[in-house]
């Protein structure tokens, strides 16, 4: 079984959370992209994410960005992950380590 694409679940001390993940579609989507970055989040602490589920396999998040290459998607992933860490979020679950960000 291939390892999952980069994904990360961040949680803030105030209880808010942010999930970030990459998907790859074959063939390309109708808009012509094959790499995608997705984010789901809750700033109001109304919905709690369920741990240890394959949430990173979902094809859509609350926010979605399309890219032409894996390297572009990874760069955007790193940028958004770094933003979370800069705003006191902690990595709770994922296929990355803090050294990857």
C-alpha atoms as a PDB file:
ATOM      1  CA  UNK A   1       0.000   0.000   0.000  1.00  0.00           C
ATOM      2  CA  UNK A   2       1.501   3.376  -0.965  1.00  0.00           C
ATOM      3  CA  UNK A   3       2.106   5.894   1.782  1.00  0.00           C
ATOM      4  CA  UNK A   4      -0.453   8.694   1.994  1.00  0.00           C
ATOM      5  CA  UNK A   5       0.252  12.075   0.505  1.00  0.00           C
ATOM      6  CA  UNK A   6       1.202  14.852   2.947  1.00  0.00           C
ATOM      7  CA  UNK A   7      -1.499  15.662   5.463  1.00  0.00           C
ATOM      8  CA  UNK A   8      -1.576  17.346   8.854  1.00  0.00           C
ATOM      9  CA  UNK A   9      -4.066  18.026  11.604  1.00  0.00           C
ATOM     10  CA  UNK A  10      -3.226  21.058  13.716  1.00  0.00           C
ATOM     11  CA  UNK A  11      -4.909  22.077  16.959  1.00  0.00           C
ATOM     12  CA  UNK A  12      -4.762  25.414  18.776  1.00  0.00           C
ATOM     13  CA  UNK A  13      -4.732  25.719  22.590  1.00  0.00           C
ATOM     14  CA  UNK A  14      -8.119  27.482  22.346  1.00  0.00           C
ATOM     15  CA  UNK A  15      -9.632  24.286  20.857  1.00  0.00           C
ATOM     16  CA  UNK A  16      -9.841  25.383  17.230  1.00  0.00           C
ATOM     17  CA  UNK A  17      -8.349  23.044  14.627  1.00  0.00           C
ATOM     18  CA  UNK A  18      -7.118  23.022  11.020  1.00  0.00           C
ATOM     19  CA  UNK A  19      -6.637  20.032   8.710  1.00  0.00           C
ATOM     20  CA  UNK A  20      -4.537  20.271   5.573  1.00  0.00           C
ATOM     21  CA  UNK A  21      -4.033  17.566   2.916  1.00  0.00           C
ATOM     22  CA  UNK A  22      -2.988  16.949  -0.679  1.00  0.00           C
ATOM     23  CA  UNK A  23      -4.775  14.746  -3.210  1.00  0.00           C
ATOM     24  CA  UNK A  24      -3.828  13.646  -6.699  1.00  0.00           C
ATOM     25  CA  UNK A  25      -6.474  12.950  -9.355  1.00  0.00           C
ATOM     26  CA  UNK A  26      -6.078  10.898 -12.508  1.00  0.00           C
ATOM     27  CA  UNK A  27      -7.176  11.964 -15.003  1.00  0.00           C
ATOM     28  CA  UNK A  28      -6.958  15.681 -14.397  1.00  0.00           C
ATOM     29  CA  UNK A  29     -10.062  17.478 -13.215  1.00  0.00           C
ATOM     30  CA  UNK A  30     -12.275  19.310 -15.695  1.00  0.00           C
ATOM     31  CA  UNK A  31     -10.376  22.489 -14.833  1.00  0.00           C
ATOM     32  CA  UNK A  32      -7.161  20.799 -15.969  1.00  0.00           C
ATOM     33  CA  UNK A  33      -5.349  20.171 -12.684  1.00  0.00           C
ATOM     34  CA  UNK A  34      -4.187  16.925 -11.152  1.00  0.00           C
ATOM     35  CA  UNK A  35      -2.790  18.119  -7.792  1.00  0.00           C
ATOM     36  CA  UNK A  36      -4.970  19.602  -5.075  1.00  0.00           C
ATOM     37  CA  UNK A  37      -4.539  21.086  -1.612  1.00  0.00           C
ATOM     38  CA  UNK A  38      -7.490  21.041   0.776  1.00  0.00           C
ATOM     39  CA  UNK A  39      -8.194  22.551   4.174  1.00  0.00           C
ATOM     40  CA  UNK A  40     -10.959  22.082   6.709  1.00  0.00           C
ATOM     41  CA  UNK A  41     -11.102  23.975   9.963  1.00  0.00           C
ATOM     42  CA  UNK A  42     -13.224  25.099  12.882  1.00  0.00           C
ATOM     43  CA  UNK A  43     -12.442  28.340  14.685  1.00  0.00           C
ATOM     44  CA  UNK A  44     -15.634  28.221  16.791  1.00  0.00           C
ATOM     45  CA  UNK A  45     -15.087  24.781  18.356  1.00  0.00           C
ATOM     46  CA  UNK A  46     -18.520  23.610  17.220  1.00  0.00           C
ATOM     47  CA  UNK A  47     -17.350  20.415  15.469  1.00  0.00           C
ATOM     48  CA  UNK A  48     -14.663  18.101  16.813  1.00  0.00           C
ATOM     49  CA  UNK A  49     -12.632  16.136  14.276  1.00  0.00           C
ATOM     50  CA  UNK A  50     -12.479  12.374  14.641  1.00  0.00           C
ATOM     51  CA  UNK A  51      -8.936  11.060  15.070  1.00  0.00           C
ATOM     52  CA  UNK A  52      -7.461   8.061  13.253  1.00  0.00           C
ATOM     53  CA  UNK A  53      -9.887   8.153  10.324  1.00  0.00           C
ATOM     54  CA  UNK A  54      -8.756   8.538   6.688  1.00  0.00           C
ATOM     55  CA  UNK A  55      -9.960  12.169   6.522  1.00  0.00           C
ATOM     56  CA  UNK A  56      -7.003  12.950   4.243  1.00  0.00           C
ATOM     57  CA  UNK A  57      -8.582  10.837   1.480  1.00  0.00           C
ATOM     58  CA  UNK A  58     -11.529  13.213   1.060  1.00  0.00           C
ATOM     59  CA  UNK A  59     -11.565  14.911  -2.328  1.00  0.00           C
ATOM     60  CA  UNK A  60     -12.787  18.261  -1.008  1.00  0.00           C
ATOM     61  CA  UNK A  61     -12.317  20.407   2.042  1.00  0.00           C
ATOM     62  CA  UNK A  62     -13.852  23.689   3.131  1.00  0.00           C
ATOM     63  CA  UNK A  63     -11.169  25.394   1.033  1.00  0.00           C
ATOM     64  CA  UNK A  64      -9.518  23.871  -2.050  1.00  0.00           C
ATOM     65  CA  UNK A  65      -6.656  24.926  -4.308  1.00  0.00           C
ATOM     66  CA  UNK A  66      -5.562  23.361  -7.617  1.00  0.00           C
ATOM     67  CA  UNK A  67      -2.002  22.950  -8.912  1.00  0.00           C
ATOM     68  CA  UNK A  68      -0.301  21.675 -12.042  1.00  0.00           C
ATOM     69  CA  UNK A  69       2.512  19.871 -10.222  1.00  0.00           C
ATOM     70  CA  UNK A  70       3.244  18.044  -7.000  1.00  0.00           C
ATOM     71  CA  UNK A  71       5.998  20.516  -6.168  1.00  0.00           C
ATOM     72  CA  UNK A  72       3.542  23.442  -6.349  1.00  0.00           C
ATOM     73  CA  UNK A  73       1.080  21.622  -4.085  1.00  0.00           C
ATOM     74  CA  UNK A  74       3.853  20.759  -1.599  1.00  0.00           C
ATOM     75  CA  UNK A  75       5.056  24.373  -1.501  1.00  0.00           C
ATOM     76  CA  UNK A  76       1.525  25.587  -0.739  1.00  0.00           C
ATOM     77  CA  UNK A  77       1.136  22.841   1.892  1.00  0.00           C
ATOM     78  CA  UNK A  78       4.374  23.917   3.615  1.00  0.00           C
ATOM     79  CA  UNK A  79       3.358  27.580   3.510  1.00  0.00           C
ATOM     80  CA  UNK A  80      -0.012  26.963   5.163  1.00  0.00           C
ATOM     81  CA  UNK A  81       1.442  24.505   7.680  1.00  0.00           C
ATOM     82  CA  UNK A  82       4.100  27.040   8.647  1.00  0.00           C
ATOM     83  CA  UNK A  83       1.380  29.671   9.132  1.00  0.00           C
ATOM     84  CA  UNK A  84      -0.465  27.369  11.540  1.00  0.00           C
ATOM     85  CA  UNK A  85       2.689  26.739  13.574  1.00  0.00           C
ATOM     86  CA  UNK A  86       3.431  30.481  13.678  1.00  0.00           C
ATOM     87  CA  UNK A  87      -0.044  31.011  15.166  1.00  0.00           C
ATOM     88  CA  UNK A  88       0.549  28.556  18.060  1.00  0.00           C
ATOM     89  CA  UNK A  89      -1.152  25.521  16.494  1.00  0.00           C
ATOM     90  CA  UNK A  90       0.374  22.140  17.365  1.00  0.00           C
ATOM     91  CA  UNK A  91       0.667  19.173  15.038  1.00  0.00           C
ATOM     92  CA  UNK A  92      -1.686  16.440  16.331  1.00  0.00           C
ATOM     93  CA  UNK A  93      -1.763  13.894  13.504  1.00  0.00           C
ATOM     94  CA  UNK A  94      -0.326  13.555  10.040  1.00  0.00           C
ATOM     95  CA  UNK A  95       2.195  12.151   7.620  1.00  0.00           C
ATOM     96  CA  UNK A  96       4.716  14.930   8.236  1.00  0.00           C
ATOM     97  CA  UNK A  97       7.070  15.842  11.002  1.00  0.00           C
ATOM     98  CA  UNK A  98       7.786  19.368  12.125  1.00  0.00           C
ATOM     99  CA  UNK A  99      11.140  19.069  10.350  1.00  0.00           C
ATOM    100  CA  UNK A 100       9.250  18.766   7.036  1.00  0.00           C
ATOM    101  CA  UNK A 101       7.575  22.143   7.471  1.00  0.00           C
END
